[in-house]
């Protein structure tokens, strides 16, 4: 298996926004912190790639690629706020990689 290396964080940010690669995401995890504003998260990861399910309030879903598995892996990020209204001032409450078998 080859190792993917990025020359800079900005290169990893650009790669993740284009490909949603698990390797780029691994480089970006160091930038994510609970309490970050939504706009800060989206500056790093870009716009969410999936619409959240109705039962998940105020979340971002990012489909992750390059895992070579039969499961679909998502980065799910939950934000504070109310009534499922997306506000740039929402703060990050949690984030997790989650496999969804289809």
PDB file of N, CA and C in Angstrom:
ATOM      1  N   UNK A   1       0.842  -1.175   0.000  1.00  0.00           N
ATOM      2  CA  UNK A   1       0.000   0.000   0.000  1.00  0.00           C
ATOM      3  C   UNK A   1       0.886   1.236   0.000  1.00  0.00           C
ATOM      4  N   UNK A   2       0.563   2.185  -0.844  1.00  0.00           N
ATOM      5  CA  UNK A   2       1.373   3.392  -0.922  1.00  0.00           C
ATOM      6  C   UNK A   2       0.950   4.394   0.148  1.00  0.00           C
ATOM      7  N   UNK A   3       1.880   5.248   0.515  1.00  0.00           N
ATOM      8  CA  UNK A   3       1.612   6.282   1.503  1.00  0.00           C
ATOM      9  C   UNK A   3       1.312   7.578   0.774  1.00  0.00           C
ATOM     10  N   UNK A   4       0.242   8.240   1.191  1.00  0.00           N
ATOM     11  CA  UNK A   4      -0.114   9.518   0.606  1.00  0.00           C
ATOM     12  C   UNK A   4       0.408  10.605   1.528  1.00  0.00           C
ATOM     13  N   UNK A   5       1.178  11.512   0.979  1.00  0.00           N
ATOM     14  CA  UNK A   5       1.723  12.615   1.765  1.00  0.00           C
ATOM     15  C   UNK A   5       1.349  13.922   1.089  1.00  0.00           C
ATOM     16  N   UNK A   6       1.081  14.916   1.909  1.00  0.00           N
ATOM     17  CA  UNK A   6       0.769  16.238   1.394  1.00  0.00           C
ATOM     18  C   UNK A   6       1.873  17.188   1.817  1.00  0.00           C
ATOM     19  N   UNK A   7       2.250  18.084   0.919  1.00  0.00           N
ATOM     20  CA  UNK A   7       3.313  19.040   1.217  1.00  0.00           C
ATOM     21  C   UNK A   7       2.864  20.113   2.200  1.00  0.00           C
ATOM     22  N   UNK A   8       1.554  20.326   2.294  1.00  0.00           N
ATOM     23  CA  UNK A   8       1.042  21.354   3.196  1.00  0.00           C
ATOM     24  C   UNK A   8      -0.399  21.024   3.571  1.00  0.00           C
ATOM     25  N   UNK A   9      -0.858  21.664   4.625  1.00  0.00           N
ATOM     26  CA  UNK A   9      -2.260  21.508   5.027  1.00  0.00           C
ATOM     27  C   UNK A   9      -3.166  22.039   3.923  1.00  0.00           C
ATOM     28  N   UNK A  10      -2.782  23.135   3.288  1.00  0.00           N
ATOM     29  CA  UNK A  10      -3.629  23.696   2.232  1.00  0.00           C
ATOM     30  C   UNK A  10      -3.775  22.707   1.070  1.00  0.00           C
ATOM     31  N   UNK A  11      -2.744  21.922   0.797  1.00  0.00           N
ATOM     32  CA  UNK A  11      -2.837  20.904  -0.248  1.00  0.00           C
ATOM     33  C   UNK A  11      -3.827  19.813   0.178  1.00  0.00           C
ATOM     34  N   UNK A  12      -3.801  19.413   1.446  1.00  0.00           N
ATOM     35  CA  UNK A  12      -4.750  18.417   1.952  1.00  0.00           C
ATOM     36  C   UNK A  12      -6.173  18.959   1.916  1.00  0.00           C
ATOM     37  N   UNK A  13      -6.352  20.242   2.260  1.00  0.00           N
ATOM     38  CA  UNK A  13      -7.677  20.875   2.205  1.00  0.00           C
ATOM     39  C   UNK A  13      -8.214  20.826   0.779  1.00  0.00           C
ATOM     40  N   UNK A  14      -7.411  21.231  -0.177  1.00  0.00           N
ATOM     41  CA  UNK A  14      -7.852  21.231  -1.579  1.00  0.00           C
ATOM     42  C   UNK A  14      -8.162  19.818  -2.065  1.00  0.00           C
ATOM     43  N   UNK A  15      -7.327  18.842  -1.691  1.00  0.00           N
ATOM     44  CA  UNK A  15      -7.563  17.466  -2.100  1.00  0.00           C
ATOM     45  C   UNK A  15      -8.862  16.940  -1.508  1.00  0.00           C
ATOM     46  N   UNK A  16      -9.117  17.224  -0.234  1.00  0.00           N
ATOM     47  CA  UNK A  16     -10.349  16.736   0.390  1.00  0.00           C
ATOM     48  C   UNK A  16     -11.573  17.364  -0.265  1.00  0.00           C
ATOM     49  N   UNK A  17     -11.523  18.650  -0.560  1.00  0.00           N
ATOM     50  CA  UNK A  17     -12.664  19.318  -1.184  1.00  0.00           C
ATOM     51  C   UNK A  17     -12.970  18.733  -2.559  1.00  0.00           C
ATOM     52  N   UNK A  18     -11.938  18.249  -3.265  1.00  0.00           N
ATOM     53  CA  UNK A  18     -12.139  17.686  -4.606  1.00  0.00           C
ATOM     54  C   UNK A  18     -12.520  16.211  -4.565  1.00  0.00           C
ATOM     55  N   UNK A  19     -11.862  15.426  -3.702  1.00  0.00           N
ATOM     56  CA  UNK A  19     -11.993  13.962  -3.777  1.00  0.00           C
ATOM     57  C   UNK A  19     -12.656  13.312  -2.570  1.00  0.00           C
ATOM     58  N   UNK A  20     -12.725  14.018  -1.462  1.00  0.00           N
ATOM     59  CA  UNK A  20     -13.203  13.464  -0.181  1.00  0.00           C
ATOM     60  C   UNK A  20     -12.442  12.193   0.197  1.00  0.00           C
ATOM     61  N   UNK A  21     -11.162  12.223  -0.045  1.00  0.00           N
ATOM     62  CA  UNK A  21     -10.270  11.104   0.231  1.00  0.00           C
ATOM     63  C   UNK A  21     -10.063  10.914   1.734  1.00  0.00           C
ATOM     64  N   UNK A  22     -10.080   9.661   2.163  1.00  0.00           N
ATOM     65  CA  UNK A  22      -9.808   9.334   3.557  1.00  0.00           C
ATOM     66  C   UNK A  22      -8.391   9.763   3.948  1.00  0.00           C
ATOM     67  N   UNK A  23      -7.470   9.740   3.006  1.00  0.00           N
ATOM     68  CA  UNK A  23      -6.090  10.111   3.285  1.00  0.00           C
ATOM     69  C   UNK A  23      -5.971  11.612   3.550  1.00  0.00           C
ATOM     70  N   UNK A  24      -6.656  12.420   2.758  1.00  0.00           N
ATOM     71  CA  UNK A  24      -6.658  13.867   3.000  1.00  0.00           C
ATOM     72  C   UNK A  24      -7.353  14.178   4.318  1.00  0.00           C
ATOM     73  N   UNK A  25      -8.454  13.493   4.597  1.00  0.00           N
ATOM     74  CA  UNK A  25      -9.172  13.717   5.845  1.00  0.00           C
ATOM     75  C   UNK A  25      -8.283  13.415   7.047  1.00  0.00           C
ATOM     76  N   UNK A  26      -7.482  12.368   6.951  1.00  0.00           N
ATOM     77  CA  UNK A  26      -6.564  12.039   8.038  1.00  0.00           C
ATOM     78  C   UNK A  26      -5.620  13.185   8.354  1.00  0.00           C
ATOM     79  N   UNK A  27      -5.198  13.905   7.336  1.00  0.00           N
ATOM     80  CA  UNK A  27      -4.321  15.058   7.544  1.00  0.00           C
ATOM     81  C   UNK A  27      -5.075  16.242   8.152  1.00  0.00           C
ATOM     82  N   UNK A  28      -6.384  16.287   7.935  1.00  0.00           N
ATOM     83  CA  UNK A  28      -7.170  17.432   8.392  1.00  0.00           C
ATOM     84  C   UNK A  28      -7.760  17.268   9.788  1.00  0.00           C
ATOM     85  N   UNK A  29      -7.813  16.037  10.291  1.00  0.00           N
ATOM     86  CA  UNK A  29      -8.384  15.820  11.628  1.00  0.00           C
ATOM     87  C   UNK A  29      -7.707  16.684  12.690  1.00  0.00           C
ATOM     88  N   UNK A  30      -6.421  16.962  12.514  1.00  0.00           N
ATOM     89  CA  UNK A  30      -5.705  17.767  13.501  1.00  0.00           C
ATOM     90  C   UNK A  30      -6.235  19.199  13.582  1.00  0.00           C
ATOM     91  N   UNK A  31      -6.963  19.640  12.553  1.00  0.00           N
ATOM     92  CA  UNK A  31      -7.490  21.007  12.534  1.00  0.00           C
ATOM     93  C   UNK A  31      -8.877  21.119  13.164  1.00  0.00           C
ATOM     94  N   UNK A  32      -9.578  20.000  13.295  1.00  0.00           N
ATOM     95  CA  UNK A  32     -10.954  20.025  13.786  1.00  0.00           C
ATOM     96  C   UNK A  32     -10.974  20.049  15.307  1.00  0.00           C
ATOM     97  N   UNK A  33     -11.753  20.959  15.860  1.00  0.00           N
ATOM     98  CA  UNK A  33     -11.868  21.106  17.310  1.00  0.00           C
ATOM     99  C   UNK A  33     -13.337  21.323  17.686  1.00  0.00           C
ATOM    100  N   UNK A  34     -13.759  20.664  18.761  1.00  0.00           N
ATOM    101  CA  UNK A  34     -15.084  20.911  19.297  1.00  0.00           C
ATOM    102  C   UNK A  34     -15.183  22.401  19.635  1.00  0.00           C
ATOM    103  N   UNK A  35     -16.305  23.014  19.283  1.00  0.00           N
ATOM    104  CA  UNK A  35     -16.504  24.439  19.552  1.00  0.00           C
ATOM    105  C   UNK A  35     -16.195  25.342  18.370  1.00  0.00           C
ATOM    106  N   UNK A  36     -15.623  24.783  17.289  1.00  0.00           N
ATOM    107  CA  UNK A  36     -15.372  25.589  16.091  1.00  0.00           C
ATOM    108  C   UNK A  36     -16.695  26.053  15.508  1.00  0.00           C
ATOM    109  N   UNK A  37     -16.673  27.218  14.882  1.00  0.00           N
ATOM    110  CA  UNK A  37     -17.857  27.677  14.160  1.00  0.00           C
ATOM    111  C   UNK A  37     -18.048  26.844  12.899  1.00  0.00           C
ATOM    112  N   UNK A  38     -19.295  26.716  12.459  1.00  0.00           N
ATOM    113  CA  UNK A  38     -19.597  25.984  11.225  1.00  0.00           C
ATOM    114  C   UNK A  38     -18.810  26.555  10.051  1.00  0.00           C
ATOM    115  N   UNK A  39     -18.706  27.874   9.958  1.00  0.00           N
ATOM    116  CA  UNK A  39     -17.991  28.468   8.830  1.00  0.00           C
ATOM    117  C   UNK A  39     -16.518  28.060   8.840  1.00  0.00           C
ATOM    118  N   UNK A  40     -15.931  27.886  10.025  1.00  0.00           N
ATOM    119  CA  UNK A  40     -14.534  27.439  10.105  1.00  0.00           C
ATOM    120  C   UNK A  40     -14.401  26.004   9.596  1.00  0.00           C
ATOM    121  N   UNK A  41     -15.330  25.153  10.006  1.00  0.00           N
ATOM    122  CA  UNK A  41     -15.326  23.756   9.558  1.00  0.00           C
ATOM    123  C   UNK A  41     -15.474  23.694   8.040  1.00  0.00           C
ATOM    124  N   UNK A  42     -16.411  24.462   7.494  1.00  0.00           N
ATOM    125  CA  UNK A  42     -16.658  24.421   6.054  1.00  0.00           C
ATOM    126  C   UNK A  42     -15.531  25.069   5.265  1.00  0.00           C
ATOM    127  N   UNK A  43     -14.772  25.975   5.866  1.00  0.00           N
ATOM    128  CA  UNK A  43     -13.566  26.489   5.194  1.00  0.00           C
ATOM    129  C   UNK A  43     -12.540  25.383   5.016  1.00  0.00           C
ATOM    130  N   UNK A  44     -12.486  24.455   5.967  1.00  0.00           N
ATOM    131  CA  UNK A  44     -11.537  23.346   5.897  1.00  0.00           C
ATOM    132  C   UNK A  44     -12.055  22.226   5.004  1.00  0.00           C
ATOM    133  N   UNK A  45     -13.312  21.817   5.207  1.00  0.00           N
ATOM    134  CA  UNK A  45     -13.846  20.625   4.539  1.00  0.00           C
ATOM    135  C   UNK A  45     -14.710  20.918   3.319  1.00  0.00           C
ATOM    136  N   UNK A  46     -15.123  22.154   3.137  1.00  0.00           N
ATOM    137  CA  UNK A  46     -16.027  22.486   2.044  1.00  0.00           C
ATOM    138  C   UNK A  46     -17.471  22.243   2.461  1.00  0.00           C
ATOM    139  N   UNK A  47     -18.357  22.383   1.515  1.00  0.00           N
ATOM    140  CA  UNK A  47     -19.779  22.151   1.767  1.00  0.00           C
ATOM    141  C   UNK A  47     -20.028  20.662   1.996  1.00  0.00           C
ATOM    142  N   UNK A  48     -21.006  20.319   2.835  1.00  0.00           N
ATOM    143  CA  UNK A  48     -21.345  18.900   3.021  1.00  0.00           C
ATOM    144  C   UNK A  48     -21.733  18.265   1.688  1.00  0.00           C
ATOM    145  N   UNK A  49     -21.447  16.981   1.544  1.00  0.00           N
ATOM    146  CA  UNK A  49     -21.744  16.292   0.288  1.00  0.00           C
ATOM    147  C   UNK A  49     -23.092  15.597   0.312  1.00  0.00           C
ATOM    148  N   UNK A  50     -23.668  15.420   1.485  1.00  0.00           N
ATOM    149  CA  UNK A  50     -24.933  14.696   1.617  1.00  0.00           C
ATOM    150  C   UNK A  50     -25.896  15.510   2.462  1.00  0.00           C
ATOM    151  N   UNK A  51     -27.192  15.332   2.176  1.00  0.00           N
ATOM    152  CA  UNK A  51     -28.208  15.939   3.032  1.00  0.00           C
ATOM    153  C   UNK A  51     -28.416  15.044   4.239  1.00  0.00           C
ATOM    154  N   UNK A  52     -28.466  15.628   5.444  1.00  0.00           N
ATOM    155  CA  UNK A  52     -28.677  14.793   6.619  1.00  0.00           C
ATOM    156  C   UNK A  52     -30.051  14.151   6.619  1.00  0.00           C
ATOM    157  N   UNK A  53     -30.121  13.002   7.264  1.00  0.00           N
ATOM    158  CA  UNK A  53     -31.406  12.331   7.430  1.00  0.00           C
ATOM    159  C   UNK A  53     -32.274  13.186   8.345  1.00  0.00           C
ATOM    160  N   UNK A  54     -33.594  13.098   8.196  1.00  0.00           N
ATOM    161  CA  UNK A  54     -34.480  13.924   9.016  1.00  0.00           C
ATOM    162  C   UNK A  54     -34.300  13.730  10.523  1.00  0.00           C
ATOM    163  N   UNK A  55     -33.840  12.546  10.945  1.00  0.00           N
ATOM    164  CA  UNK A  55     -33.707  12.312  12.384  1.00  0.00           C
ATOM    165  C   UNK A  55     -32.434  12.913  12.965  1.00  0.00           C
ATOM    166  N   UNK A  56     -31.541  13.387  12.117  1.00  0.00           N
ATOM    167  CA  UNK A  56     -30.293  13.966  12.589  1.00  0.00           C
ATOM    168  C   UNK A  56     -30.380  15.480  12.430  1.00  0.00           C
ATOM    169  N   UNK A  57     -30.475  16.174  13.532  1.00  0.00           N
ATOM    170  CA  UNK A  57     -30.643  17.623  13.487  1.00  0.00           C
ATOM    171  C   UNK A  57     -29.323  18.348  13.341  1.00  0.00           C
ATOM    172  N   UNK A  58     -29.330  19.374  12.519  1.00  0.00           N
ATOM    173  CA  UNK A  58     -28.239  20.332  12.425  1.00  0.00           C
ATOM    174  C   UNK A  58     -26.878  19.674  12.253  1.00  0.00           C
ATOM    175  N   UNK A  59     -26.771  18.793  11.255  1.00  0.00           N
ATOM    176  CA  UNK A  59     -25.532  18.048  11.026  1.00  0.00           C
ATOM    177  C   UNK A  59     -25.019  18.244   9.616  1.00  0.00           C
ATOM    178  N   UNK A  60     -23.733  18.037   9.444  1.00  0.00           N
ATOM    179  CA  UNK A  60     -23.113  17.953   8.128  1.00  0.00           C
ATOM    180  C   UNK A  60     -22.739  16.499   7.886  1.00  0.00           C
ATOM    181  N   UNK A  61     -22.961  16.011   6.673  1.00  0.00           N
ATOM    182  CA  UNK A  61     -22.547  14.672   6.278  1.00  0.00           C
ATOM    183  C   UNK A  61     -21.575  14.816   5.111  1.00  0.00           C
ATOM    184  N   UNK A  62     -20.436  14.147   5.211  1.00  0.00           N
ATOM    185  CA  UNK A  62     -19.469  14.093   4.121  1.00  0.00           C
ATOM    186  C   UNK A  62     -19.242  12.631   3.767  1.00  0.00           C
ATOM    187  N   UNK A  63     -19.513  12.260   2.525  1.00  0.00           N
ATOM    188  CA  UNK A  63     -19.223  10.906   2.061  1.00  0.00           C
ATOM    189  C   UNK A  63     -17.718  10.808   1.856  1.00  0.00           C
ATOM    190  N   UNK A  64     -17.109   9.757   2.391  1.00  0.00           N
ATOM    191  CA  UNK A  64     -15.661   9.588   2.344  1.00  0.00           C
ATOM    192  C   UNK A  64     -15.307   8.511   1.327  1.00  0.00           C
ATOM    193  N   UNK A  65     -14.275   8.769   0.521  1.00  0.00           N
ATOM    194  CA  UNK A  65     -13.869   7.861  -0.548  1.00  0.00           C
ATOM    195  C   UNK A  65     -12.548   7.172  -0.207  1.00  0.00           C
ATOM    196  N   UNK A  66     -12.158   6.213  -1.038  1.00  0.00           N
ATOM    197  CA  UNK A  66     -10.855   5.533  -0.996  1.00  0.00           C
ATOM    198  C   UNK A  66     -10.712   4.526   0.139  1.00  0.00           C
ATOM    199  N   UNK A  67     -11.778   3.938   0.595  1.00  0.00           N
ATOM    200  CA  UNK A  67     -11.645   2.975   1.674  1.00  0.00           C
ATOM    201  C   UNK A  67     -11.603   1.540   1.184  1.00  0.00           C
ATOM    202  N   UNK A  68     -12.046   1.292  -0.034  1.00  0.00           N
ATOM    203  CA  UNK A  68     -12.006  -0.060  -0.573  1.00  0.00           C
ATOM    204  C   UNK A  68     -12.859  -1.042   0.205  1.00  0.00           C
ATOM    205  N   UNK A  69     -13.961  -0.596   0.762  1.00  0.00           N
ATOM    206  CA  UNK A  69     -14.858  -1.476   1.499  1.00  0.00           C
ATOM    207  C   UNK A  69     -16.230  -1.471   0.846  1.00  0.00           C
ATOM    208  N   UNK A  70     -17.067  -2.413   1.248  1.00  0.00           N
ATOM    209  CA  UNK A  70     -18.430  -2.447   0.727  1.00  0.00           C
ATOM    210  C   UNK A  70     -19.343  -1.481   1.472  1.00  0.00           C
ATOM    211  N   UNK A  71     -18.885  -0.992   2.594  1.00  0.00           N
ATOM    212  CA  UNK A  71     -19.656  -0.009   3.356  1.00  0.00           C
ATOM    213  C   UNK A  71     -19.410   1.380   2.784  1.00  0.00           C
ATOM    214  N   UNK A  72     -20.356   2.248   3.012  1.00  0.00           N
ATOM    215  CA  UNK A  72     -20.169   3.661   2.710  1.00  0.00           C
ATOM    216  C   UNK A  72     -19.783   4.318   4.030  1.00  0.00           C
ATOM    217  N   UNK A  73     -18.725   5.111   4.015  1.00  0.00           N
ATOM    218  CA  UNK A  73     -18.247   5.760   5.228  1.00  0.00           C
ATOM    219  C   UNK A  73     -18.584   7.245   5.138  1.00  0.00           C
ATOM    220  N   UNK A  74     -19.108   7.773   6.227  1.00  0.00           N
ATOM    221  CA  UNK A  74     -19.458   9.188   6.290  1.00  0.00           C
ATOM    222  C   UNK A  74     -18.764   9.833   7.466  1.00  0.00           C
ATOM    223  N   UNK A  75     -18.365  11.080   7.285  1.00  0.00           N
ATOM    224  CA  UNK A  75     -17.966  11.935   8.385  1.00  0.00           C
ATOM    225  C   UNK A  75     -19.222  12.693   8.763  1.00  0.00           C
ATOM    226  N   UNK A  76     -19.689  12.477   9.981  1.00  0.00           N
ATOM    227  CA  UNK A  76     -20.917  13.117  10.447  1.00  0.00           C
ATOM    228  C   UNK A  76     -20.531  14.118  11.524  1.00  0.00           C
ATOM    229  N   UNK A  77     -20.943  15.361  11.311  1.00  0.00           N
ATOM    230  CA  UNK A  77     -20.610  16.441  12.233  1.00  0.00           C
ATOM    231  C   UNK A  77     -21.897  17.042  12.770  1.00  0.00           C
ATOM    232  N   UNK A  78     -22.012  17.156  14.080  1.00  0.00           N
ATOM    233  CA  UNK A  78     -23.192  17.742  14.712  1.00  0.00           C
ATOM    234  C   UNK A  78     -22.861  19.133  15.235  1.00  0.00           C
ATOM    235  N   UNK A  79     -23.796  20.044  15.049  1.00  0.00           N
ATOM    236  CA  UNK A  79     -23.634  21.432  15.480  1.00  0.00           C
ATOM    237  C   UNK A  79     -24.759  21.826  16.412  1.00  0.00           C
ATOM    238  N   UNK A  80     -24.490  22.822  17.251  1.00  0.00           N
ATOM    239  CA  UNK A  80     -25.566  23.346  18.075  1.00  0.00           C
ATOM    240  C   UNK A  80     -26.481  24.202  17.193  1.00  0.00           C
ATOM    241  N   UNK A  81     -27.457  24.800  17.759  1.00  0.00           N
ATOM    242  CA  UNK A  81     -28.429  25.562  16.999  1.00  0.00           C
ATOM    243  C   UNK A  81     -29.794  24.947  17.218  1.00  0.00           C
ATOM    244  N   UNK A  82     -30.809  25.588  16.715  1.00  0.00           N
ATOM    245  CA  UNK A  82     -32.141  25.059  16.945  1.00  0.00           C
ATOM    246  C   UNK A  82     -32.938  25.013  15.654  1.00  0.00           C
ATOM    247  N   UNK A  83     -33.966  24.206  15.662  1.00  0.00           N
ATOM    248  CA  UNK A  83     -34.900  24.067  14.545  1.00  0.00           C
ATOM    249  C   UNK A  83     -34.230  23.643  13.250  1.00  0.00           C
ATOM    250  N   UNK A  84     -33.078  22.982  13.350  1.00  0.00           N
ATOM    251  CA  UNK A  84     -32.345  22.487  12.184  1.00  0.00           C
ATOM    252  C   UNK A  84     -32.050  23.594  11.166  1.00  0.00           C
ATOM    253  N   UNK A  85     -31.887  24.814  11.645  1.00  0.00           N
ATOM    254  CA  UNK A  85     -31.549  25.940  10.787  1.00  0.00           C
ATOM    255  C   UNK A  85     -30.041  26.072  10.736  1.00  0.00           C
ATOM    256  N   UNK A  86     -29.480  26.039   9.524  1.00  0.00           N
ATOM    257  CA  UNK A  86     -28.031  26.151   9.368  1.00  0.00           C
ATOM    258  C   UNK A  86     -27.613  27.606   9.529  1.00  0.00           C
ATOM    259  N   UNK A  87     -26.789  27.854  10.526  1.00  0.00           N
ATOM    260  CA  UNK A  87     -26.249  29.188  10.750  1.00  0.00           C
ATOM    261  C   UNK A  87     -24.732  29.082  10.773  1.00  0.00           C
ATOM    262  N   UNK A  88     -24.054  30.045  10.171  1.00  0.00           N
ATOM    263  CA  UNK A  88     -22.588  30.023  10.182  1.00  0.00           C
ATOM    264  C   UNK A  88     -22.039  30.107  11.591  1.00  0.00           C
ATOM    265  N   UNK A  89     -22.826  30.646  12.521  1.00  0.00           N
ATOM    266  CA  UNK A  89     -22.374  30.799  13.903  1.00  0.00           C
ATOM    267  C   UNK A  89     -22.618  29.553  14.750  1.00  0.00           C
ATOM    268  N   UNK A  90     -23.218  28.495  14.178  1.00  0.00           N
ATOM    269  CA  UNK A  90     -23.376  27.233  14.901  1.00  0.00           C
ATOM    270  C   UNK A  90     -21.990  26.713  15.283  1.00  0.00           C
ATOM    271  N   UNK A  91     -21.898  26.091  16.444  1.00  0.00           N
ATOM    272  CA  UNK A  91     -20.621  25.548  16.903  1.00  0.00           C
ATOM    273  C   UNK A  91     -20.629  24.023  16.833  1.00  0.00           C
ATOM    274  N   UNK A  92     -19.467  23.469  16.505  1.00  0.00           N
ATOM    275  CA  UNK A  92     -19.291  22.029  16.377  1.00  0.00           C
ATOM    276  C   UNK A  92     -19.410  21.358  17.743  1.00  0.00           C
ATOM    277  N   UNK A  93     -20.308  20.376  17.845  1.00  0.00           N
ATOM    278  CA  UNK A  93     -20.501  19.621  19.085  1.00  0.00           C
ATOM    279  C   UNK A  93     -19.773  18.284  19.056  1.00  0.00           C
ATOM    280  N   UNK A  94     -19.767  17.617  17.887  1.00  0.00           N
ATOM    281  CA  UNK A  94     -19.120  16.309  17.778  1.00  0.00           C
ATOM    282  C   UNK A  94     -18.879  15.985  16.318  1.00  0.00           C
ATOM    283  N   UNK A  95     -17.945  15.044  16.091  1.00  0.00           N
ATOM    284  CA  UNK A  95     -17.734  14.516  14.744  1.00  0.00           C
ATOM    285  C   UNK A  95     -17.250  13.091  14.858  1.00  0.00           C
ATOM    286  N   UNK A  96     -17.682  12.261  13.902  1.00  0.00           N
ATOM    287  CA  UNK A  96     -17.358  10.837  13.945  1.00  0.00           C
ATOM    288  C   UNK A  96     -17.371  10.273  12.524  1.00  0.00           C
ATOM    289  N   UNK A  97     -16.489   9.321  12.268  1.00  0.00           N
ATOM    290  CA  UNK A  97     -16.556   8.535  11.031  1.00  0.00           C
ATOM    291  C   UNK A  97     -17.515   7.381  11.288  1.00  0.00           C
ATOM    292  N   UNK A  98     -18.464   7.175  10.372  1.00  0.00           N
ATOM    293  CA  UNK A  98     -19.517   6.198  10.621  1.00  0.00           C
ATOM    294  C   UNK A  98     -19.770   5.374   9.364  1.00  0.00           C
ATOM    295  N   UNK A  99     -19.647   4.048   9.442  1.00  0.00           N
ATOM    296  CA  UNK A  99     -19.944   3.198   8.274  1.00  0.00           C
ATOM    297  C   UNK A  99     -21.447   2.954   8.167  1.00  0.00           C
ATOM    298  N   UNK A 100     -21.934   3.015   6.947  1.00  0.00           N
ATOM    299  CA  UNK A 100     -23.347   2.705   6.686  1.00  0.00           C
ATOM    300  C   UNK A 100     -23.362   1.636   5.603  1.00  0.00           C
ATOM    301  N   UNK A 101     -23.798   0.452   5.940  1.00  0.00           N
ATOM    302  CA  UNK A 101     -23.891  -0.645   4.976  1.00  0.00           C
ATOM    303  C   UNK A 101     -25.177  -0.513   4.185  1.00  0.00           C
ATOM    304  N   UNK A 102     -25.048  -0.664   2.885  1.00  0.00           N
ATOM    305  CA  UNK A 102     -26.239  -0.577   2.043  1.00  0.00           C
ATOM    306  C   UNK A 102     -26.408  -1.839   1.248  1.00  0.00           C
TER     307      UNK A 102
END
